[in-house]
N, C-alpha and C. Protein backbone atom coordinates (compact mmCIF):
# COMPACT_ATOMS: atom_id res chain seq x y z
N UNK A 1 7.17 16.03 4.65
CA UNK A 1 7.08 15.60 3.27
C UNK A 1 7.92 14.35 3.03
N UNK A 2 9.11 14.30 3.65
CA UNK A 2 9.99 13.16 3.41
C UNK A 2 9.35 11.84 3.79
N UNK A 3 8.59 11.81 4.86
CA UNK A 3 7.92 10.57 5.27
C UNK A 3 6.82 10.22 4.29
N UNK A 4 6.06 11.21 3.85
CA UNK A 4 4.97 10.96 2.90
C UNK A 4 5.51 10.38 1.60
N UNK A 5 6.67 10.85 1.17
CA UNK A 5 7.27 10.36 -0.07
C UNK A 5 7.65 8.88 0.00
N UNK A 6 7.68 8.30 1.19
CA UNK A 6 8.02 6.88 1.34
C UNK A 6 6.81 5.97 1.17
N UNK A 7 5.60 6.52 1.14
CA UNK A 7 4.40 5.70 1.00
C UNK A 7 4.23 5.25 -0.44
N UNK A 8 3.83 3.98 -0.64
CA UNK A 8 3.60 3.48 -2.00
C UNK A 8 2.56 4.35 -2.72
N UNK A 9 2.89 4.74 -3.94
CA UNK A 9 2.00 5.56 -4.74
C UNK A 9 2.19 7.06 -4.51
N UNK A 10 2.98 7.42 -3.50
CA UNK A 10 3.22 8.84 -3.21
C UNK A 10 4.69 9.21 -3.33
N UNK A 11 5.46 8.41 -4.05
CA UNK A 11 6.88 8.67 -4.19
C UNK A 11 7.14 9.92 -5.05
N UNK A 12 6.18 10.28 -5.87
CA UNK A 12 6.26 11.46 -6.71
C UNK A 12 5.90 12.68 -5.87
N UNK A 13 6.76 13.71 -5.85
CA UNK A 13 6.55 14.87 -4.99
C UNK A 13 5.22 15.57 -5.28
N UNK A 14 4.82 15.65 -6.54
CA UNK A 14 3.55 16.32 -6.90
C UNK A 14 2.38 15.56 -6.28
N UNK A 15 2.40 14.23 -6.37
CA UNK A 15 1.32 13.42 -5.78
C UNK A 15 1.31 13.56 -4.26
N UNK A 16 2.48 13.55 -3.64
CA UNK A 16 2.56 13.67 -2.19
C UNK A 16 2.05 15.03 -1.73
N UNK A 17 2.41 16.10 -2.43
CA UNK A 17 1.94 17.43 -2.06
C UNK A 17 0.43 17.54 -2.22
N UNK A 18 -0.12 16.96 -3.28
CA UNK A 18 -1.57 16.98 -3.49
C UNK A 18 -2.28 16.22 -2.38
N UNK A 19 -1.72 15.08 -1.98
CA UNK A 19 -2.33 14.29 -0.89
C UNK A 19 -2.31 15.09 0.41
N UNK A 20 -1.20 15.74 0.69
CA UNK A 20 -1.11 16.54 1.92
C UNK A 20 -2.08 17.73 1.89
N UNK A 21 -2.23 18.37 0.73
CA UNK A 21 -3.19 19.49 0.62
C UNK A 21 -4.61 19.00 0.93
N UNK A 22 -4.95 17.83 0.38
CA UNK A 22 -6.29 17.28 0.63
C UNK A 22 -6.48 16.92 2.10
N UNK A 23 -5.47 16.33 2.72
CA UNK A 23 -5.55 15.97 4.13
C UNK A 23 -5.64 17.22 5.02
N UNK A 24 -4.93 18.28 4.64
CA UNK A 24 -5.02 19.53 5.39
C UNK A 24 -6.42 20.14 5.26
N UNK A 25 -6.99 20.09 4.05
CA UNK A 25 -8.34 20.63 3.83
C UNK A 25 -9.37 19.88 4.67
N UNK A 26 -9.17 18.59 4.86
CA UNK A 26 -10.07 17.78 5.69
C UNK A 26 -9.75 17.93 7.18
N UNK A 27 -8.64 18.62 7.48
CA UNK A 27 -8.14 18.78 8.84
C UNK A 27 -7.72 17.45 9.47
N UNK A 28 -7.33 16.49 8.62
CA UNK A 28 -6.87 15.19 9.10
C UNK A 28 -5.41 15.24 9.48
N UNK A 29 -4.66 16.23 8.98
CA UNK A 29 -3.29 16.47 9.41
C UNK A 29 -3.16 17.93 9.80
N UNK A 30 -2.22 18.21 10.67
CA UNK A 30 -1.97 19.59 11.11
C UNK A 30 -0.48 19.85 11.04
N UNK A 31 -0.12 21.12 10.99
CA UNK A 31 1.28 21.53 10.99
C UNK A 31 1.63 22.10 12.35
N UNK A 32 2.79 21.75 12.83
CA UNK A 32 3.31 22.32 14.07
C UNK A 32 4.40 23.31 13.68
N UNK A 33 4.08 24.59 13.75
CA UNK A 33 5.03 25.62 13.33
C UNK A 33 6.06 25.96 14.40
N UNK A 34 5.94 25.35 15.57
CA UNK A 34 6.89 25.65 16.64
C UNK A 34 8.22 24.95 16.43
N UNK A 35 8.24 23.98 15.55
CA UNK A 35 9.48 23.23 15.28
C UNK A 35 10.14 23.77 14.02
N UNK A 36 11.41 23.54 13.89
CA UNK A 36 12.09 23.91 12.67
C UNK A 36 12.81 22.69 12.14
N UNK A 37 12.48 22.14 11.03
CA UNK A 37 11.41 22.57 10.12
C UNK A 37 10.03 22.24 10.67
N UNK A 38 9.00 22.80 10.02
CA UNK A 38 7.62 22.56 10.46
C UNK A 38 7.32 21.07 10.40
N UNK A 39 6.59 20.59 11.36
CA UNK A 39 6.26 19.17 11.48
C UNK A 39 4.80 18.96 11.11
N UNK A 40 4.52 18.05 10.20
CA UNK A 40 3.15 17.70 9.83
C UNK A 40 2.81 16.39 10.53
N UNK A 41 1.67 16.38 11.22
CA UNK A 41 1.28 15.17 11.95
C UNK A 41 -0.23 14.97 11.86
N UNK A 42 -0.67 13.77 12.22
CA UNK A 42 -2.10 13.50 12.17
C UNK A 42 -2.82 14.32 13.22
N UNK A 43 -4.05 14.67 12.90
CA UNK A 43 -4.87 15.41 13.85
C UNK A 43 -5.15 14.54 15.07
N UNK A 44 -5.15 15.13 16.27
CA UNK A 44 -5.46 14.35 17.46
C UNK A 44 -6.89 13.76 17.42
N UNK A 45 -7.77 14.39 16.65
CA UNK A 45 -9.16 13.93 16.53
C UNK A 45 -9.39 13.15 15.24
N UNK A 46 -8.35 12.56 14.66
CA UNK A 46 -8.47 11.92 13.34
C UNK A 46 -9.58 10.88 13.28
N UNK A 47 -9.63 9.99 14.25
CA UNK A 47 -10.66 8.93 14.21
C UNK A 47 -12.06 9.53 14.21
N UNK A 48 -12.26 10.56 15.03
CA UNK A 48 -13.57 11.20 15.09
C UNK A 48 -13.89 11.91 13.78
N UNK A 49 -12.89 12.54 13.17
CA UNK A 49 -13.10 13.22 11.90
C UNK A 49 -13.46 12.23 10.79
N UNK A 50 -12.82 11.07 10.80
CA UNK A 50 -13.14 10.05 9.80
C UNK A 50 -14.56 9.54 10.02
N UNK A 51 -14.93 9.30 11.28
CA UNK A 51 -16.29 8.87 11.59
C UNK A 51 -17.32 9.89 11.15
N UNK A 52 -17.01 11.16 11.38
CA UNK A 52 -17.92 12.23 10.96
C UNK A 52 -18.05 12.27 9.44
N UNK A 53 -16.93 12.15 8.75
CA UNK A 53 -16.93 12.16 7.27
C UNK A 53 -17.76 11.00 6.73
N UNK A 54 -17.66 9.83 7.37
CA UNK A 54 -18.41 8.65 6.94
C UNK A 54 -19.82 8.60 7.51
N UNK A 55 -20.13 9.57 8.36
CA UNK A 55 -21.44 9.65 9.01
C UNK A 55 -21.76 8.36 9.76
N UNK A 56 -20.76 7.89 10.51
CA UNK A 56 -20.91 6.65 11.27
C UNK A 56 -20.23 6.81 12.62
N UNK A 57 -21.03 6.93 13.70
CA UNK A 57 -20.45 7.14 15.03
C UNK A 57 -19.66 5.94 15.56
N UNK A 58 -19.80 4.78 14.93
CA UNK A 58 -19.08 3.58 15.37
C UNK A 58 -17.64 3.55 14.86
N UNK A 59 -17.33 4.30 13.82
CA UNK A 59 -16.03 4.23 13.17
C UNK A 59 -14.86 4.53 14.11
N UNK A 60 -14.92 5.57 14.94
CA UNK A 60 -13.74 5.82 15.81
C UNK A 60 -13.37 4.61 16.68
N UNK A 61 -14.35 3.95 17.25
CA UNK A 61 -14.07 2.77 18.05
C UNK A 61 -13.54 1.62 17.22
N UNK A 62 -14.11 1.45 16.02
CA UNK A 62 -13.66 0.38 15.13
C UNK A 62 -12.22 0.61 14.68
N UNK A 63 -11.88 1.86 14.38
CA UNK A 63 -10.51 2.17 13.97
C UNK A 63 -9.52 1.90 15.10
N UNK A 64 -9.93 2.20 16.32
CA UNK A 64 -9.06 1.93 17.46
C UNK A 64 -8.81 0.45 17.65
N UNK A 65 -9.81 -0.37 17.30
CA UNK A 65 -9.69 -1.82 17.47
C UNK A 65 -8.91 -2.49 16.34
N UNK A 66 -8.63 -1.77 15.28
CA UNK A 66 -7.96 -2.38 14.12
C UNK A 66 -6.46 -2.55 14.28
N UNK A 67 -5.90 -2.06 15.33
CA UNK A 67 -4.45 -2.19 15.50
C UNK A 67 -4.08 -3.66 15.60
N UNK A 68 -3.13 -4.07 14.77
CA UNK A 68 -2.69 -5.46 14.77
C UNK A 68 -1.18 -5.49 14.64
N UNK A 69 -0.58 -6.49 15.24
CA UNK A 69 0.86 -6.67 15.11
C UNK A 69 1.10 -7.73 14.05
N UNK A 70 1.66 -7.32 12.94
CA UNK A 70 1.96 -8.23 11.85
C UNK A 70 3.46 -8.22 11.59
N UNK A 71 3.98 -9.34 11.16
CA UNK A 71 5.38 -9.40 10.79
C UNK A 71 5.57 -8.50 9.56
N UNK A 72 6.48 -7.55 9.60
CA UNK A 72 6.57 -6.57 8.51
C UNK A 72 7.04 -7.14 7.18
N UNK A 73 7.68 -8.29 7.19
CA UNK A 73 8.23 -8.83 5.95
C UNK A 73 7.47 -10.02 5.41
N UNK A 74 6.29 -10.28 5.95
CA UNK A 74 5.58 -11.48 5.52
C UNK A 74 4.16 -11.13 5.12
N UNK A 75 3.70 -11.75 4.07
CA UNK A 75 2.31 -11.60 3.63
C UNK A 75 1.78 -12.99 3.36
N UNK A 76 0.58 -13.25 3.80
CA UNK A 76 -0.03 -14.55 3.60
C UNK A 76 -1.33 -14.38 2.83
N UNK A 77 -1.46 -15.06 1.72
CA UNK A 77 -2.69 -15.04 0.92
C UNK A 77 -3.24 -16.45 0.96
N UNK A 78 -4.47 -16.58 1.45
CA UNK A 78 -5.07 -17.89 1.57
C UNK A 78 -6.13 -18.07 0.51
N UNK A 79 -6.03 -19.18 -0.20
CA UNK A 79 -7.01 -19.49 -1.23
C UNK A 79 -6.39 -19.42 -2.61
N UNK A 80 -7.10 -19.98 -3.58
CA UNK A 80 -6.57 -19.98 -4.95
C UNK A 80 -6.63 -18.58 -5.57
N UNK A 81 -5.65 -18.27 -6.38
CA UNK A 81 -5.58 -16.96 -7.03
C UNK A 81 -6.72 -16.76 -8.02
N UNK A 82 -7.46 -17.81 -8.34
CA UNK A 82 -8.59 -17.66 -9.26
C UNK A 82 -9.80 -17.03 -8.58
N UNK A 83 -9.78 -16.95 -7.25
CA UNK A 83 -10.87 -16.31 -6.52
C UNK A 83 -10.62 -14.80 -6.50
N UNK A 84 -11.62 -14.01 -6.90
CA UNK A 84 -11.47 -12.56 -7.02
C UNK A 84 -10.96 -11.89 -5.74
N UNK A 85 -11.50 -12.22 -4.55
CA UNK A 85 -10.99 -11.55 -3.34
C UNK A 85 -9.52 -11.85 -3.06
N UNK A 86 -9.09 -13.06 -3.35
CA UNK A 86 -7.69 -13.44 -3.12
C UNK A 86 -6.79 -12.69 -4.09
N UNK A 87 -7.18 -12.66 -5.37
CA UNK A 87 -6.36 -11.97 -6.37
C UNK A 87 -6.32 -10.47 -6.09
N UNK A 88 -7.43 -9.91 -5.68
CA UNK A 88 -7.48 -8.49 -5.33
C UNK A 88 -6.55 -8.18 -4.17
N UNK A 89 -6.52 -9.05 -3.17
CA UNK A 89 -5.62 -8.88 -2.03
C UNK A 89 -4.17 -8.95 -2.48
N UNK A 90 -3.88 -9.88 -3.36
CA UNK A 90 -2.53 -10.02 -3.93
C UNK A 90 -2.10 -8.72 -4.62
N UNK A 91 -2.99 -8.15 -5.43
CA UNK A 91 -2.65 -6.90 -6.12
C UNK A 91 -2.43 -5.77 -5.12
N UNK A 92 -3.24 -5.72 -4.07
CA UNK A 92 -3.07 -4.70 -3.03
C UNK A 92 -1.71 -4.85 -2.34
N UNK A 93 -1.31 -6.09 -2.08
CA UNK A 93 -0.01 -6.33 -1.45
C UNK A 93 1.13 -5.86 -2.36
N UNK A 94 1.00 -6.11 -3.66
CA UNK A 94 2.02 -5.63 -4.60
C UNK A 94 2.09 -4.12 -4.59
N UNK A 95 0.93 -3.46 -4.60
CA UNK A 95 0.89 -1.99 -4.61
C UNK A 95 1.54 -1.40 -3.35
N UNK A 96 1.53 -2.14 -2.26
CA UNK A 96 2.07 -1.65 -1.00
C UNK A 96 3.53 -1.98 -0.77
N UNK A 97 4.15 -2.71 -1.68
CA UNK A 97 5.55 -3.09 -1.50
C UNK A 97 6.46 -1.87 -1.49
N UNK A 98 7.41 -1.87 -0.56
CA UNK A 98 8.32 -0.73 -0.45
C UNK A 98 9.78 -1.10 -0.65
N UNK A 99 10.12 -2.37 -0.51
CA UNK A 99 11.52 -2.76 -0.58
C UNK A 99 11.78 -3.79 -1.68
N UNK A 100 11.06 -4.91 -1.63
CA UNK A 100 11.35 -6.00 -2.56
C UNK A 100 10.10 -6.83 -2.79
N UNK A 101 9.95 -7.30 -4.03
CA UNK A 101 8.87 -8.23 -4.40
C UNK A 101 9.54 -9.46 -4.98
N UNK A 102 9.25 -10.63 -4.42
CA UNK A 102 9.76 -11.90 -4.94
C UNK A 102 8.55 -12.75 -5.34
N UNK A 103 8.47 -13.10 -6.63
CA UNK A 103 7.33 -13.85 -7.13
C UNK A 103 7.77 -15.12 -7.85
N UNK A 104 7.18 -16.26 -7.49
CA UNK A 104 7.38 -17.45 -8.32
C UNK A 104 6.30 -17.45 -9.40
N UNK A 105 6.68 -17.55 -10.65
CA UNK A 105 5.73 -17.54 -11.75
C UNK A 105 5.90 -18.83 -12.55
N UNK A 106 5.62 -19.94 -11.90
CA UNK A 106 5.89 -21.23 -12.53
C UNK A 106 4.86 -21.58 -13.60
N UNK A 107 3.60 -21.42 -13.32
CA UNK A 107 2.55 -21.68 -14.30
C UNK A 107 1.61 -20.49 -14.23
N UNK A 108 1.64 -19.65 -15.25
CA UNK A 108 0.81 -18.44 -15.23
C UNK A 108 0.52 -18.00 -16.65
N UNK A 109 -0.43 -17.13 -16.78
CA UNK A 109 -0.76 -16.57 -18.07
C UNK A 109 0.21 -15.45 -18.42
N UNK A 110 0.36 -15.18 -19.71
CA UNK A 110 1.23 -14.08 -20.14
C UNK A 110 0.51 -12.74 -19.98
N UNK A 111 -0.79 -12.75 -19.79
CA UNK A 111 -1.58 -11.52 -19.65
C UNK A 111 -1.82 -11.24 -18.17
N UNK A 112 -0.84 -10.67 -17.51
CA UNK A 112 -0.93 -10.41 -16.08
C UNK A 112 -1.38 -8.98 -15.82
N UNK A 113 -2.40 -8.82 -14.99
CA UNK A 113 -2.84 -7.49 -14.59
C UNK A 113 -1.81 -6.84 -13.68
N UNK A 114 -0.96 -7.63 -13.07
CA UNK A 114 0.01 -7.09 -12.11
C UNK A 114 1.23 -6.46 -12.77
N UNK A 115 1.39 -6.59 -14.08
CA UNK A 115 2.59 -6.06 -14.74
C UNK A 115 2.70 -4.56 -14.54
N UNK A 116 1.61 -3.82 -14.71
CA UNK A 116 1.67 -2.36 -14.52
C UNK A 116 2.03 -2.01 -13.08
N UNK A 117 1.50 -2.77 -12.13
CA UNK A 117 1.82 -2.52 -10.72
C UNK A 117 3.29 -2.80 -10.47
N UNK A 118 3.80 -3.90 -11.00
CA UNK A 118 5.21 -4.23 -10.83
C UNK A 118 6.10 -3.15 -11.45
N UNK A 119 5.72 -2.66 -12.62
CA UNK A 119 6.49 -1.60 -13.28
C UNK A 119 6.49 -0.34 -12.42
N UNK A 120 5.33 0.02 -11.88
CA UNK A 120 5.22 1.22 -11.03
C UNK A 120 6.09 1.09 -9.78
N UNK A 121 6.04 -0.08 -9.13
CA UNK A 121 6.83 -0.28 -7.92
C UNK A 121 8.32 -0.27 -8.25
N UNK A 122 8.72 -0.88 -9.39
CA UNK A 122 10.13 -0.88 -9.80
C UNK A 122 10.62 0.54 -10.03
N UNK A 123 9.78 1.38 -10.66
CA UNK A 123 10.16 2.78 -10.90
C UNK A 123 10.27 3.55 -9.59
N UNK A 124 9.61 3.05 -8.54
CA UNK A 124 9.69 3.67 -7.21
C UNK A 124 10.87 3.13 -6.40
N UNK A 125 11.68 2.26 -7.02
CA UNK A 125 12.87 1.77 -6.34
C UNK A 125 12.72 0.40 -5.67
N UNK A 126 11.57 -0.24 -5.84
CA UNK A 126 11.36 -1.57 -5.26
C UNK A 126 12.07 -2.60 -6.14
N UNK A 127 12.86 -3.50 -5.52
CA UNK A 127 13.52 -4.57 -6.26
C UNK A 127 12.49 -5.64 -6.61
N UNK A 128 12.46 -6.06 -7.86
CA UNK A 128 11.51 -7.08 -8.32
C UNK A 128 12.32 -8.31 -8.72
N UNK A 129 12.00 -9.45 -8.11
CA UNK A 129 12.64 -10.72 -8.46
C UNK A 129 11.54 -11.70 -8.84
N UNK A 130 11.66 -12.26 -10.04
CA UNK A 130 10.64 -13.20 -10.52
C UNK A 130 11.32 -14.50 -10.89
N UNK A 131 10.87 -15.58 -10.27
CA UNK A 131 11.37 -16.92 -10.57
C UNK A 131 10.48 -17.51 -11.66
N UNK A 132 11.08 -17.80 -12.80
CA UNK A 132 10.34 -18.37 -13.91
C UNK A 132 10.80 -19.82 -14.09
N UNK A 133 9.84 -20.74 -14.13
CA UNK A 133 10.17 -22.15 -14.23
C UNK A 133 10.45 -22.58 -15.65
N UNK A 134 11.42 -23.48 -15.80
CA UNK A 134 11.71 -24.06 -17.11
C UNK A 134 10.56 -25.00 -17.48
N UNK A 135 10.29 -25.17 -18.77
CA UNK A 135 9.19 -26.06 -19.18
C UNK A 135 9.30 -27.47 -18.58
N UNK A 136 10.52 -27.98 -18.43
CA UNK A 136 10.67 -29.33 -17.87
C UNK A 136 10.31 -29.36 -16.38
N UNK A 137 10.45 -28.24 -15.69
CA UNK A 137 10.13 -28.17 -14.27
C UNK A 137 8.61 -28.08 -14.06
N UNK A 138 7.93 -27.30 -14.88
CA UNK A 138 6.51 -27.09 -14.67
C UNK A 138 5.65 -28.07 -15.45
N UNK A 139 6.29 -29.04 -16.12
CA UNK A 139 5.55 -30.12 -16.78
C UNK A 139 4.95 -29.74 -18.11
N UNK A 140 5.56 -28.80 -18.82
CA UNK A 140 5.03 -28.39 -20.12
C UNK A 140 5.76 -29.05 -21.28
N UNK A 141 6.70 -29.95 -21.01
CA UNK A 141 7.42 -30.65 -22.07
C UNK A 141 6.55 -31.71 -22.69
């Protein structure tokens, strides 16, 4: 349970327990009762179970190929934020933050969809730092 509580969106014990119940019902996680305390781990057949659930025999191989080595502290968003896929990726990155979010907000609208996400992450213990530009810096004088 302690590890599950560290995942973004599952910091609340009730949400984490509900997620684990659902994963157990799907048999995507199993409990090892031989250890004390009991250990919950992914099913050895997880990829196959996901493929079966999606009714796609290619999924297990595709999931195996998805392993990538990424720098854990860096995120790169390519393209203007006005493009829906880029902005959607940005929101997903915010939702996944676990330690700190640093945002430059030099020229932006006051109606940000990300405010609720930032509030949620802050309540989960993520440090939020926002750099706001002075009007003389961003050319609004």
